[in-house]
Amino acid sequence: MKETKYSTIIIEQKKSNGLGVSGFILSLIGLIFGLIHPIAIISIFIGFILSFIGLFRKPRGFAIAGFLIGLISILVIIAFAYGVFYLIEGTEFEDLFF
């Protein structure tokens, strides 16, 4: 009788955080095109939200990066909008900083 030997192969799957990666990509696209195209502003907010949700799953690397990029982009957009509306009211540019 012929004896056969079986071996067990263990395949380790790397865990990924799909929400964190997609939030990072959307935040990055929004950062690049944020002030050029209005749809990119929507991309920033969606990326920010997806990255925030992705913070509660492991691994967190892309989620943290997407969250920070989204947060910084949102702050820049708010500052830009505030500056534009402040200038439209008829004040001088020097009054913004002094």
PDB file of N, CA and C in Angstrom:
ATOM      1  N   MET A   1       0.825  -1.155   0.000  1.00  0.00           N
ATOM      2  CA  MET A   1       0.000   0.000   0.000  1.00  0.00           C
ATOM      3  C   MET A   1       0.890   1.247   0.000  1.00  0.00           C
ATOM      4  N   LYS A   2       0.469   2.215  -0.770  1.00  0.00           N
ATOM      5  CA  LYS A   2       1.229   3.458  -0.896  1.00  0.00           C
ATOM      6  C   LYS A   2       0.751   4.470   0.140  1.00  0.00           C
ATOM      7  N   GLU A   3       1.701   5.019   0.854  1.00  0.00           N
ATOM      8  CA  GLU A   3       1.367   5.984   1.892  1.00  0.00           C
ATOM      9  C   GLU A   3       1.566   7.405   1.337  1.00  0.00           C
ATOM     10  N   THR A   4       0.584   8.250   1.501  1.00  0.00           N
ATOM     11  CA  THR A   4       0.698   9.638   1.052  1.00  0.00           C
ATOM     12  C   THR A   4       0.775  10.548   2.262  1.00  0.00           C
ATOM     13  N   LYS A   5       1.572  11.575   2.099  1.00  0.00           N
ATOM     14  CA  LYS A   5       1.725  12.544   3.176  1.00  0.00           C
ATOM     15  C   LYS A   5       1.039  13.842   2.761  1.00  0.00           C
ATOM     16  N   TYR A   6       0.314  14.372   3.681  1.00  0.00           N
ATOM     17  CA  TYR A   6      -0.364  15.630   3.440  1.00  0.00           C
ATOM     18  C   TYR A   6       0.309  16.712   4.276  1.00  0.00           C
ATOM     19  N   SER A   7       0.387  17.856   3.694  1.00  0.00           N
ATOM     20  CA  SER A   7       0.929  18.981   4.448  1.00  0.00           C
ATOM     21  C   SER A   7      -0.103  20.100   4.475  1.00  0.00           C
ATOM     22  N   THR A   8      -0.086  20.821   5.531  1.00  0.00           N
ATOM     23  CA  THR A   8      -1.022  21.914   5.707  1.00  0.00           C
ATOM     24  C   THR A   8      -0.341  23.222   5.317  1.00  0.00           C
ATOM     25  N   ILE A   9      -1.019  23.971   4.480  1.00  0.00           N
ATOM     26  CA  ILE A   9      -0.512  25.278   4.073  1.00  0.00           C
ATOM     27  C   ILE A   9      -1.384  26.335   4.724  1.00  0.00           C
ATOM     28  N   ILE A  10      -0.741  27.217   5.445  1.00  0.00           N
ATOM     29  CA  ILE A  10      -1.454  28.302   6.116  1.00  0.00           C
ATOM     30  C   ILE A  10      -1.180  29.582   5.343  1.00  0.00           C
ATOM     31  N   ILE A  11      -2.241  30.196   4.890  1.00  0.00           N
ATOM     32  CA  ILE A  11      -2.125  31.458   4.154  1.00  0.00           C
ATOM     33  C   ILE A  11      -2.623  32.562   5.069  1.00  0.00           C
ATOM     34  N   GLU A  12      -1.737  33.484   5.333  1.00  0.00           N
ATOM     35  CA  GLU A  12      -2.099  34.593   6.199  1.00  0.00           C
ATOM     36  C   GLU A  12      -2.603  35.744   5.341  1.00  0.00           C
ATOM     37  N   GLN A  13      -3.826  36.165   5.585  1.00  0.00           N
ATOM     38  CA  GLN A  13      -4.385  37.285   4.850  1.00  0.00           C
ATOM     39  C   GLN A  13      -4.134  38.561   5.630  1.00  0.00           C
ATOM     40  N   LYS A  14      -3.643  39.554   4.915  1.00  0.00           N
ATOM     41  CA  LYS A  14      -3.435  40.837   5.562  1.00  0.00           C
ATOM     42  C   LYS A  14      -4.772  41.556   5.660  1.00  0.00           C
ATOM     43  N   LYS A  15      -5.022  42.073   6.812  1.00  0.00           N
ATOM     44  CA  LYS A  15      -6.263  42.801   7.005  1.00  0.00           C
ATOM     45  C   LYS A  15      -6.113  44.181   6.396  1.00  0.00           C
ATOM     46  N   SER A  16      -7.188  44.655   5.816  1.00  0.00           N
ATOM     47  CA  SER A  16      -7.167  45.998   5.245  1.00  0.00           C
ATOM     48  C   SER A  16      -8.368  46.767   5.763  1.00  0.00           C
ATOM     49  N   ASN A  17      -8.261  48.044   5.679  1.00  0.00           N
ATOM     50  CA  ASN A  17      -9.307  48.945   6.128  1.00  0.00           C
ATOM     51  C   ASN A  17      -9.808  49.698   4.893  1.00  0.00           C
ATOM     52  N   GLY A  18     -10.818  49.152   4.248  1.00  0.00           N
ATOM     53  CA  GLY A  18     -11.327  49.732   3.015  1.00  0.00           C
ATOM     54  C   GLY A  18     -11.860  51.140   3.189  1.00  0.00           C
ATOM     55  N   LEU A  19     -12.534  51.392   4.303  1.00  0.00           N
ATOM     56  CA  LEU A  19     -13.058  52.736   4.544  1.00  0.00           C
ATOM     57  C   LEU A  19     -11.925  53.738   4.746  1.00  0.00           C
ATOM     58  N   GLY A  20     -10.888  53.330   5.433  1.00  0.00           N
ATOM     59  CA  GLY A  20      -9.753  54.221   5.658  1.00  0.00           C
ATOM     60  C   GLY A  20      -9.022  54.547   4.373  1.00  0.00           C
ATOM     61  N   VAL A  21      -8.838  53.541   3.518  1.00  0.00           N
ATOM     62  CA  VAL A  21      -8.141  53.756   2.245  1.00  0.00           C
ATOM     63  C   VAL A  21      -8.976  54.628   1.325  1.00  0.00           C
ATOM     64  N   SER A  22     -10.278  54.350   1.221  1.00  0.00           N
ATOM     65  CA  SER A  22     -11.120  55.163   0.349  1.00  0.00           C
ATOM     66  C   SER A  22     -11.254  56.591   0.883  1.00  0.00           C
ATOM     67  N   GLY A  23     -11.318  56.752   2.192  1.00  0.00           N
ATOM     68  CA  GLY A  23     -11.348  58.096   2.772  1.00  0.00           C
ATOM     69  C   GLY A  23     -10.067  58.856   2.502  1.00  0.00           C
ATOM     70  N   PHE A  24      -8.934  58.162   2.573  1.00  0.00           N
ATOM     71  CA  PHE A  24      -7.649  58.784   2.266  1.00  0.00           C
ATOM     72  C   PHE A  24      -7.592  59.245   0.810  1.00  0.00           C
ATOM     73  N   ILE A  25      -8.030  58.392  -0.107  1.00  0.00           N
ATOM     74  CA  ILE A  25      -7.988  58.731  -1.528  1.00  0.00           C
ATOM     75  C   ILE A  25      -8.904  59.908  -1.832  1.00  0.00           C
ATOM     76  N   LEU A  26     -10.121  59.900  -1.291  1.00  0.00           N
ATOM     77  CA  LEU A  26     -11.041  61.007  -1.535  1.00  0.00           C
ATOM     78  C   LEU A  26     -10.533  62.309  -0.916  1.00  0.00           C
ATOM     79  N   SER A  27      -9.954  62.232   0.263  1.00  0.00           N
ATOM     80  CA  SER A  27      -9.397  63.433   0.891  1.00  0.00           C
ATOM     81  C   SER A  27      -8.224  63.980   0.093  1.00  0.00           C
ATOM     82  N   LEU A  28      -7.397  63.095  -0.418  1.00  0.00           N
ATOM     83  CA  LEU A  28      -6.252  63.525  -1.216  1.00  0.00           C
ATOM     84  C   LEU A  28      -6.695  64.161  -2.533  1.00  0.00           C
ATOM     85  N   ILE A  29      -7.678  63.564  -3.195  1.00  0.00           N
ATOM     86  CA  ILE A  29      -8.216  64.164  -4.422  1.00  0.00           C
ATOM     87  C   ILE A  29      -8.831  65.523  -4.119  1.00  0.00           C
ATOM     88  N   GLY A  30      -9.553  65.614  -3.014  1.00  0.00           N
ATOM     89  CA  GLY A  30     -10.143  66.892  -2.630  1.00  0.00           C
ATOM     90  C   GLY A  30      -9.096  67.940  -2.300  1.00  0.00           C
ATOM     91  N   LEU A  31      -8.001  67.515  -1.687  1.00  0.00           N
ATOM     92  CA  LEU A  31      -6.928  68.453  -1.368  1.00  0.00           C
ATOM     93  C   LEU A  31      -6.291  69.002  -2.637  1.00  0.00           C
ATOM     94  N   ILE A  32      -6.087  68.147  -3.615  1.00  0.00           N
ATOM     95  CA  ILE A  32      -5.440  68.565  -4.844  1.00  0.00           C
ATOM     96  C   ILE A  32      -6.347  69.491  -5.659  1.00  0.00           C
ATOM     97  N   PHE A  33      -7.632  69.151  -5.752  1.00  0.00           N
ATOM     98  CA  PHE A  33      -8.538  69.906  -6.614  1.00  0.00           C
ATOM     99  C   PHE A  33      -9.563  70.727  -5.830  1.00  0.00           C
ATOM    100  N   GLY A  34      -9.381  70.900  -4.543  1.00  0.00           N
ATOM    101  CA  GLY A  34     -10.390  71.486  -3.675  1.00  0.00           C
ATOM    102  C   GLY A  34     -10.866  72.869  -4.037  1.00  0.00           C
ATOM    103  N   LEU A  35      -9.977  73.778  -4.315  1.00  0.00           N
ATOM    104  CA  LEU A  35     -10.385  75.145  -4.607  1.00  0.00           C
ATOM    105  C   LEU A  35     -10.613  75.367  -6.099  1.00  0.00           C
ATOM    106  N   ILE A  36     -10.371  74.351  -6.911  1.00  0.00           N
ATOM    107  CA  ILE A  36     -10.543  74.484  -8.349  1.00  0.00           C
ATOM    108  C   ILE A  36     -11.939  74.043  -8.780  1.00  0.00           C
ATOM    109  N   HIS A  37     -12.413  72.952  -8.220  1.00  0.00           N
ATOM    110  CA  HIS A  37     -13.681  72.382  -8.660  1.00  0.00           C
ATOM    111  C   HIS A  37     -14.592  72.130  -7.463  1.00  0.00           C
ATOM    112  N   PRO A  38     -15.852  72.530  -7.544  1.00  0.00           N
ATOM    113  CA  PRO A  38     -16.755  72.370  -6.391  1.00  0.00           C
ATOM    114  C   PRO A  38     -17.031  70.913  -6.019  1.00  0.00           C
ATOM    115  N   ILE A  39     -16.976  70.000  -6.967  1.00  0.00           N
ATOM    116  CA  ILE A  39     -17.223  68.596  -6.644  1.00  0.00           C
ATOM    117  C   ILE A  39     -16.112  68.057  -5.743  1.00  0.00           C
ATOM    118  N   ALA A  40     -14.918  68.620  -5.863  1.00  0.00           N
ATOM    119  CA  ALA A  40     -13.809  68.185  -5.007  1.00  0.00           C
ATOM    120  C   ALA A  40     -14.071  68.542  -3.545  1.00  0.00           C
ATOM    121  N   ILE A  41     -14.808  69.611  -3.300  1.00  0.00           N
ATOM    122  CA  ILE A  41     -15.155  69.976  -1.918  1.00  0.00           C
ATOM    123  C   ILE A  41     -16.045  68.889  -1.319  1.00  0.00           C
ATOM    124  N   ILE A  42     -16.965  68.359  -2.110  1.00  0.00           N
ATOM    125  CA  ILE A  42     -17.799  67.248  -1.650  1.00  0.00           C
ATOM    126  C   ILE A  42     -16.922  66.030  -1.381  1.00  0.00           C
ATOM    127  N   SER A  43     -15.916  65.822  -2.221  1.00  0.00           N
ATOM    128  CA  SER A  43     -14.986  64.711  -2.037  1.00  0.00           C
ATOM    129  C   SER A  43     -14.243  64.827  -0.710  1.00  0.00           C
ATOM    130  N   ILE A  44     -13.882  66.041  -0.345  1.00  0.00           N
ATOM    131  CA  ILE A  44     -13.186  66.254   0.928  1.00  0.00           C
ATOM    132  C   ILE A  44     -14.081  65.838   2.096  1.00  0.00           C
ATOM    133  N   PHE A  45     -15.330  66.279   2.078  1.00  0.00           N
ATOM    134  CA  PHE A  45     -16.223  65.964   3.183  1.00  0.00           C
ATOM    135  C   PHE A  45     -16.526  64.464   3.265  1.00  0.00           C
ATOM    136  N   ILE A  46     -16.732  63.824   2.114  1.00  0.00           N
ATOM    137  CA  ILE A  46     -16.985  62.390   2.122  1.00  0.00           C
ATOM    138  C   ILE A  46     -15.739  61.636   2.592  1.00  0.00           C
ATOM    139  N   GLY A  47     -14.561  62.050   2.114  1.00  0.00           N
ATOM    140  CA  GLY A  47     -13.316  61.424   2.550  1.00  0.00           C
ATOM    141  C   GLY A  47     -13.078  61.611   4.033  1.00  0.00           C
ATOM    142  N   PHE A  48     -13.408  62.783   4.553  1.00  0.00           N
ATOM    143  CA  PHE A  48     -13.272  63.064   5.981  1.00  0.00           C
ATOM    144  C   PHE A  48     -14.165  62.131   6.800  1.00  0.00           C
ATOM    145  N   ILE A  49     -15.406  61.957   6.365  1.00  0.00           N
ATOM    146  CA  ILE A  49     -16.346  61.104   7.090  1.00  0.00           C
ATOM    147  C   ILE A  49     -15.923  59.636   7.021  1.00  0.00           C
ATOM    148  N   LEU A  50     -15.525  59.174   5.824  1.00  0.00           N
ATOM    149  CA  LEU A  50     -15.096  57.781   5.689  1.00  0.00           C
ATOM    150  C   LEU A  50     -13.835  57.503   6.505  1.00  0.00           C
ATOM    151  N   SER A  51     -12.922  58.461   6.522  1.00  0.00           N
ATOM    152  CA  SER A  51     -11.707  58.287   7.314  1.00  0.00           C
ATOM    153  C   SER A  51     -12.015  58.269   8.804  1.00  0.00           C
ATOM    154  N   PHE A  52     -12.969  59.094   9.224  1.00  0.00           N
ATOM    155  CA  PHE A  52     -13.361  59.102  10.630  1.00  0.00           C
ATOM    156  C   PHE A  52     -13.942  57.752  11.030  1.00  0.00           C
ATOM    157  N   ILE A  53     -14.782  57.188  10.182  1.00  0.00           N
ATOM    158  CA  ILE A  53     -15.340  55.864  10.466  1.00  0.00           C
ATOM    159  C   ILE A  53     -14.231  54.815  10.449  1.00  0.00           C
ATOM    160  N   GLY A  54     -13.278  54.961   9.516  1.00  0.00           N
ATOM    161  CA  GLY A  54     -12.173  54.017   9.414  1.00  0.00           C
ATOM    162  C   GLY A  54     -11.215  54.063  10.595  1.00  0.00           C
ATOM    163  N   LEU A  55     -11.253  55.141  11.387  1.00  0.00           N
ATOM    164  CA  LEU A  55     -10.395  55.231  12.570  1.00  0.00           C
ATOM    165  C   LEU A  55     -10.725  54.161  13.611  1.00  0.00           C
ATOM    166  N   PHE A  56     -11.940  53.635  13.568  1.00  0.00           N
ATOM    167  CA  PHE A  56     -12.360  52.659  14.557  1.00  0.00           C
ATOM    168  C   PHE A  56     -12.104  51.227  14.109  1.00  0.00           C
ATOM    169  N   ARG A  57     -11.434  51.063  12.969  1.00  0.00           N
ATOM    170  CA  ARG A  57     -11.080  49.735  12.472  1.00  0.00           C
ATOM    171  C   ARG A  57      -9.578  49.649  12.317  1.00  0.00           C
ATOM    172  N   LYS A  58      -9.062  48.424  12.344  1.00  0.00           N
ATOM    173  CA  LYS A  58      -7.618  48.245  12.192  1.00  0.00           C
ATOM    174  C   LYS A  58      -7.321  47.754  10.799  1.00  0.00           C
ATOM    175  N   PRO A  59      -6.235  48.064  10.188  1.00  0.00           N
ATOM    176  CA  PRO A  59      -5.179  49.025  10.536  1.00  0.00           C
ATOM    177  C   PRO A  59      -5.645  50.462  10.309  1.00  0.00           C
ATOM    178  N   ARG A  60      -5.069  51.366  11.038  1.00  0.00           N
ATOM    179  CA  ARG A  60      -5.553  52.746  11.056  1.00  0.00           C
ATOM    180  C   ARG A  60      -4.702  53.728  10.257  1.00  0.00           C
ATOM    181  N   GLY A  61      -3.637  53.305   9.630  1.00  0.00           N
ATOM    182  CA  GLY A  61      -2.691  54.220   8.989  1.00  0.00           C
ATOM    183  C   GLY A  61      -3.314  55.138   7.958  1.00  0.00           C
ATOM    184  N   PHE A  62      -3.982  54.566   6.960  1.00  0.00           N
ATOM    185  CA  PHE A  62      -4.602  55.385   5.926  1.00  0.00           C
ATOM    186  C   PHE A  62      -5.763  56.198   6.482  1.00  0.00           C
ATOM    187  N   ALA A  63      -6.465  55.658   7.454  1.00  0.00           N
ATOM    188  CA  ALA A  63      -7.589  56.381   8.040  1.00  0.00           C
ATOM    189  C   ALA A  63      -7.111  57.639   8.770  1.00  0.00           C
ATOM    190  N   ILE A  64      -6.011  57.530   9.489  1.00  0.00           N
ATOM    191  CA  ILE A  64      -5.458  58.694  10.185  1.00  0.00           C
ATOM    192  C   ILE A  64      -4.995  59.742   9.172  1.00  0.00           C
ATOM    193  N   ALA A  65      -4.304  59.286   8.128  1.00  0.00           N
ATOM    194  CA  ALA A  65      -3.817  60.214   7.114  1.00  0.00           C
ATOM    195  C   ALA A  65      -4.982  60.898   6.396  1.00  0.00           C
ATOM    196  N   GLY A  66      -6.004  60.133   6.030  1.00  0.00           N
ATOM    197  CA  GLY A  66      -7.168  60.713   5.363  1.00  0.00           C
ATOM    198  C   GLY A  66      -7.917  61.675   6.253  1.00  0.00           C
ATOM    199  N   PHE A  67      -8.015  61.338   7.547  1.00  0.00           N
ATOM    200  CA  PHE A  67      -8.694  62.224   8.494  1.00  0.00           C
ATOM    201  C   PHE A  67      -7.956  63.544   8.627  1.00  0.00           C
ATOM    202  N   LEU A  68      -6.639  63.496   8.755  1.00  0.00           N
ATOM    203  CA  LEU A  68      -5.865  64.732   8.901  1.00  0.00           C
ATOM    204  C   LEU A  68      -5.880  65.563   7.622  1.00  0.00           C
ATOM    205  N   ILE A  69      -5.763  64.918   6.473  1.00  0.00           N
ATOM    206  CA  ILE A  69      -5.819  65.659   5.208  1.00  0.00           C
ATOM    207  C   ILE A  69      -7.196  66.299   5.040  1.00  0.00           C
ATOM    208  N   GLY A  70      -8.249  65.560   5.360  1.00  0.00           N
ATOM    209  CA  GLY A  70      -9.598  66.120   5.271  1.00  0.00           C
ATOM    210  C   GLY A  70      -9.800  67.275   6.232  1.00  0.00           C
ATOM    211  N   LEU A  71      -9.308  67.136   7.449  1.00  0.00           N
ATOM    212  CA  LEU A  71      -9.453  68.202   8.444  1.00  0.00           C
ATOM    213  C   LEU A  71      -8.711  69.465   8.013  1.00  0.00           C
ATOM    214  N   ILE A  72      -7.488  69.308   7.556  1.00  0.00           N
ATOM    215  CA  ILE A  72      -6.710  70.464   7.102  1.00  0.00           C
ATOM    216  C   ILE A  72      -7.368  71.103   5.881  1.00  0.00           C
ATOM    217  N   SER A  73      -7.865  70.289   4.966  1.00  0.00           N
ATOM    218  CA  SER A  73      -8.524  70.821   3.774  1.00  0.00           C
ATOM    219  C   SER A  73      -9.789  71.591   4.136  1.00  0.00           C
ATOM    220  N   ILE A  74     -10.560  71.066   5.064  1.00  0.00           N
ATOM    221  CA  ILE A  74     -11.779  71.754   5.486  1.00  0.00           C
ATOM    222  C   ILE A  74     -11.436  73.082   6.144  1.00  0.00           C
ATOM    223  N   LEU A  75     -10.398  73.111   6.972  1.00  0.00           N
ATOM    224  CA  LEU A  75      -9.988  74.362   7.611  1.00  0.00           C
ATOM    225  C   LEU A  75      -9.505  75.384   6.584  1.00  0.00           C
ATOM    226  N   VAL A  76      -8.787  74.933   5.561  1.00  0.00           N
ATOM    227  CA  VAL A  76      -8.323  75.842   4.505  1.00  0.00           C
ATOM    228  C   VAL A  76      -9.508  76.396   3.727  1.00  0.00           C
ATOM    229  N   ILE A  77     -10.486  75.557   3.416  1.00  0.00           N
ATOM    230  CA  ILE A  77     -11.664  76.019   2.680  1.00  0.00           C
ATOM    231  C   ILE A  77     -12.457  77.023   3.501  1.00  0.00           C
ATOM    232  N   ILE A  78     -12.605  76.768   4.800  1.00  0.00           N
ATOM    233  CA  ILE A  78     -13.321  77.711   5.667  1.00  0.00           C
ATOM    234  C   ILE A  78     -12.572  79.039   5.738  1.00  0.00           C
ATOM    235  N   ALA A  79     -11.249  78.988   5.887  1.00  0.00           N
ATOM    236  CA  ALA A  79     -10.462  80.225   5.942  1.00  0.00           C
ATOM    237  C   ALA A  79     -10.536  80.973   4.618  1.00  0.00           C
ATOM    238  N   PHE A  80     -10.489  80.253   3.513  1.00  0.00           N
ATOM    239  CA  PHE A  80     -10.579  80.886   2.199  1.00  0.00           C
ATOM    240  C   PHE A  80     -11.945  81.542   2.007  1.00  0.00           C
ATOM    241  N   ALA A  81     -13.008  80.819   2.383  1.00  0.00           N
ATOM    242  CA  ALA A  81     -14.360  81.372   2.246  1.00  0.00           C
ATOM    243  C   ALA A  81     -14.539  82.589   3.148  1.00  0.00           C
ATOM    244  N   TYR A  82     -14.009  82.523   4.357  1.00  0.00           N
ATOM    245  CA  TYR A  82     -14.102  83.665   5.263  1.00  0.00           C
ATOM    246  C   TYR A  82     -13.362  84.865   4.686  1.00  0.00           C
ATOM    247  N   GLY A  83     -12.175  84.635   4.138  1.00  0.00           N
ATOM    248  CA  GLY A  83     -11.415  85.729   3.542  1.00  0.00           C
ATOM    249  C   GLY A  83     -12.112  86.340   2.352  1.00  0.00           C
ATOM    250  N   VAL A  84     -12.711  85.518   1.526  1.00  0.00           N
ATOM    251  CA  VAL A  84     -13.424  86.038   0.351  1.00  0.00           C
ATOM    252  C   VAL A  84     -14.631  86.846   0.779  1.00  0.00           C
ATOM    253  N   PHE A  85     -15.430  86.329   1.702  1.00  0.00           N
ATOM    254  CA  PHE A  85     -16.609  87.068   2.147  1.00  0.00           C
ATOM    255  C   PHE A  85     -16.226  88.324   2.915  1.00  0.00           C
ATOM    256  N   TYR A  86     -15.113  88.276   3.605  1.00  0.00           N
ATOM    257  CA  TYR A  86     -14.653  89.453   4.332  1.00  0.00           C
ATOM    258  C   TYR A  86     -14.218  90.540   3.365  1.00  0.00           C
ATOM    259  N   LEU A  87     -13.570  90.155   2.285  1.00  0.00           N
ATOM    260  CA  LEU A  87     -13.132  91.121   1.290  1.00  0.00           C
ATOM    261  C   LEU A  87     -14.290  91.664   0.470  1.00  0.00           C
ATOM    262  N   ILE A  88     -15.311  90.875   0.260  1.00  0.00           N
ATOM    263  CA  ILE A  88     -16.464  91.322  -0.522  1.00  0.00           C
ATOM    264  C   ILE A  88     -17.212  92.421   0.211  1.00  0.00           C
ATOM    265  N   GLU A  89     -17.185  92.411   1.523  1.00  0.00           N
ATOM    266  CA  GLU A  89     -17.902  93.416   2.296  1.00  0.00           C
ATOM    267  C   GLU A  89     -17.314  94.809   2.138  1.00  0.00           C
ATOM    268  N   GLY A  90     -16.176  94.964   1.502  1.00  0.00           N
ATOM    269  CA  GLY A  90     -15.618  96.277   1.235  1.00  0.00           C
ATOM    270  C   GLY A  90     -14.495  96.681   2.162  1.00  0.00           C
ATOM    271  N   THR A  91     -13.974  95.793   2.955  1.00  0.00           N
ATOM    272  CA  THR A  91     -12.869  96.144   3.830  1.00  0.00           C
ATOM    273  C   THR A  91     -11.559  96.056   3.062  1.00  0.00           C
ATOM    274  N   GLU A  92     -10.566  96.660   3.598  1.00  0.00           N
ATOM    275  CA  GLU A  92      -9.246  96.635   2.967  1.00  0.00           C
ATOM    276  C   GLU A  92      -8.532  95.318   3.293  1.00  0.00           C
ATOM    277  N   PHE A  93      -7.624  94.937   2.428  1.00  0.00           N
ATOM    278  CA  PHE A  93      -6.900  93.685   2.599  1.00  0.00           C
ATOM    279  C   PHE A  93      -6.029  93.726   3.849  1.00  0.00           C
ATOM    280  N   GLU A  94      -5.482  94.900   4.158  1.00  0.00           N
ATOM    281  CA  GLU A  94      -4.606  95.020   5.330  1.00  0.00           C
ATOM    282  C   GLU A  94      -5.386  94.815   6.639  1.00  0.00           C
ATOM    283  N   ASP A  95      -6.684  95.064   6.603  1.00  0.00           N
ATOM    284  CA  ASP A  95      -7.493  94.897   7.814  1.00  0.00           C
ATOM    285  C   ASP A  95      -7.642  93.428   8.211  1.00  0.00           C
ATOM    286  N   LEU A  96      -7.368  92.531   7.281  1.00  0.00           N
ATOM    287  CA  LEU A  96      -7.469  91.123   7.611  1.00  0.00           C
ATOM    288  C   LEU A  96      -6.416  90.692   8.627  1.00  0.00           C
ATOM    289  N   PHE A  97      -5.238  91.318   8.572  1.00  0.00           N
ATOM    290  CA  PHE A  97      -4.118  90.870   9.384  1.00  0.00           C
ATOM    291  C   PHE A  97      -3.748  91.839  10.502  1.00  0.00           C
ATOM    292  N   PHE A  98      -4.294  93.036  10.498  1.00  0.00           N
ATOM    293  CA  PHE A  98      -3.914  94.027  11.511  1.00  0.00           C
ATOM    294  C   PHE A  98      -5.105  94.508  12.283  1.00  0.00           C
TER     295      PHE A  98
END
